[in-house]
Amino acid sequence: MRQLLCEDCGNRYKLAPGEGLALPADPETLEPAEYQRIVWGTAKLPRPEQRVMHINGVPTPMDPGEYTCDLCCASIKPGDRCCAQSVWLEGDERAPAWEHEFMEAAP
């Protein structure tokens, strides 16, 4: 899973930059551990191909010139501080980097 979040949502969920264990494995339910990578930065100008959502296989255009927070649907405009979250399960390959396509990482 990967999400682009507005600054408010990133702060609300206290997402600190870095990579590591998000949730330990649960031996009772046999759920595997979850790992995450958090990157903070500023939003880039969206490319047109990033502003199309597919609903039941049908391409649906989204507002150009901004991103949408994957949690609260707030607008994320170019230059806004935002947060990228990647999550993967234990045993799966580490999530590939994608953040640079949407934002400039904070130093």
Protein backbone atom coordinates (compact mmCIF):
# COMPACT_ATOMS: atom_id res chain seq x y z
CA MET A 1 0.00 0.00 0.00
CA ARG A 2 1.16 3.50 -0.67
CA GLN A 3 -0.48 6.78 0.26
CA LEU A 4 0.20 10.47 -0.20
CA LEU A 5 -1.07 12.36 2.83
CA CYS A 6 -1.59 16.03 3.63
CA GLU A 7 0.45 17.57 6.44
CA ASP A 8 -2.50 17.46 8.86
CA CYS A 9 -3.07 13.71 8.40
CA GLY A 10 0.65 12.94 8.65
CA ASN A 11 0.81 14.88 11.90
CA ARG A 12 -2.48 13.46 13.22
CA TYR A 13 -1.11 9.92 12.90
CA LYS A 14 2.32 10.99 14.19
CA LEU A 15 4.12 9.59 11.14
CA ALA A 16 7.83 10.04 11.77
CA PRO A 17 10.25 9.83 8.83
CA GLY A 18 12.12 6.57 8.41
CA GLU A 19 11.58 2.89 7.79
CA GLY A 20 10.81 0.02 10.14
CA LEU A 21 8.27 -2.15 11.92
CA ALA A 22 4.77 -0.62 11.99
CA LEU A 23 2.82 -3.53 13.55
CA PRO A 24 4.27 -6.72 15.01
CA ALA A 25 3.04 -10.13 13.87
CA ASP A 26 0.06 -11.54 15.78
CA PRO A 27 0.55 -15.25 16.53
CA GLU A 28 -3.11 -15.66 17.60
CA THR A 29 -4.56 -14.51 14.27
CA LEU A 30 -1.50 -15.50 12.21
CA GLU A 31 -1.32 -11.95 10.84
CA PRO A 32 2.18 -11.13 9.55
CA ALA A 33 4.13 -8.11 10.71
CA GLU A 34 3.68 -4.87 8.79
CA TYR A 35 6.58 -2.60 7.85
CA GLN A 36 6.40 0.99 6.68
CA ARG A 37 8.48 3.76 5.13
CA ILE A 38 7.57 7.39 5.82
CA VAL A 39 9.00 10.24 3.74
CA TRP A 40 8.16 13.90 4.37
CA GLY A 41 8.67 16.60 1.77
CA THR A 42 6.94 19.12 -0.46
CA ALA A 43 4.54 18.28 -3.28
CA LYS A 44 5.71 18.60 -6.87
CA LEU A 45 3.52 19.82 -9.73
CA PRO A 46 1.40 16.79 -10.77
CA ARG A 47 1.83 15.29 -14.22
CA PRO A 48 -1.41 14.68 -16.18
CA GLU A 49 -1.04 10.88 -15.94
CA GLN A 50 -1.02 11.17 -12.14
CA ARG A 51 -4.46 12.77 -12.19
CA VAL A 52 -6.50 9.86 -13.53
CA MET A 53 -8.32 7.45 -11.24
CA HIS A 54 -9.61 4.11 -12.51
CA ILE A 55 -13.01 3.11 -11.14
CA ASN A 56 -14.14 -0.36 -12.24
CA GLY A 57 -11.60 -0.09 -15.06
CA VAL A 58 -12.98 3.24 -16.30
CA PRO A 59 -10.49 6.15 -16.34
CA THR A 60 -11.87 9.15 -14.46
CA PRO A 61 -10.02 12.50 -14.55
CA MET A 62 -9.18 14.23 -11.28
CA ASP A 63 -8.49 17.92 -10.60
CA PRO A 64 -5.25 18.92 -12.37
CA GLY A 65 -2.63 20.98 -10.59
CA GLU A 66 -3.00 19.36 -7.17
CA TYR A 67 -2.95 16.01 -5.40
CA THR A 68 -5.61 14.66 -3.05
CA CYS A 69 -4.87 13.34 0.44
CA ASP A 70 -5.55 9.59 0.47
CA LEU A 71 -7.07 9.81 3.97
CA CYS A 72 -9.14 13.00 4.20
CA CYS A 73 -9.36 14.05 0.51
CA ALA A 74 -7.85 17.48 1.27
CA SER A 75 -6.11 19.28 -1.57
CA ILE A 76 -2.29 19.02 -1.65
CA LYS A 77 -0.97 21.81 -3.87
CA PRO A 78 2.56 22.08 -5.30
CA GLY A 79 4.91 23.32 -2.57
CA ASP A 80 2.69 22.07 0.28
CA ARG A 81 4.35 19.97 2.95
CA CYS A 82 3.09 16.38 2.71
CA CYS A 83 3.91 12.83 3.69
CA ALA A 84 4.30 9.61 1.69
CA GLN A 85 3.57 6.30 3.44
CA SER A 86 4.45 2.86 2.06
CA VAL A 87 3.37 -0.32 3.88
CA TRP A 88 4.27 -3.95 3.13
CA LEU A 89 3.88 -7.29 4.89
CA GLU A 90 6.58 -9.44 6.40
CA GLY A 91 7.75 -11.88 3.75
CA ASP A 92 6.89 -9.53 0.88
CA GLU A 93 9.49 -7.53 -0.97
CA ARG A 94 10.27 -4.13 0.48
CA ALA A 95 8.08 -1.47 -1.16
CA PRO A 96 9.88 0.17 -4.10
CA ALA A 97 10.60 3.89 -3.89
CA TRP A 98 7.93 6.03 -5.53
CA GLU A 99 7.93 9.16 -3.40
CA HIS A 100 10.23 11.14 -5.73
CA GLU A 101 7.53 11.03 -8.43
CA PHE A 102 5.17 13.11 -6.26
CA MET A 103 7.35 15.15 -3.92
CA GLU A 104 10.73 16.63 -3.13
CA ALA A 105 11.99 14.87 -0.02
CA ALA A 106 12.80 17.05 2.98
CA PRO A 107 16.52 17.33 3.77
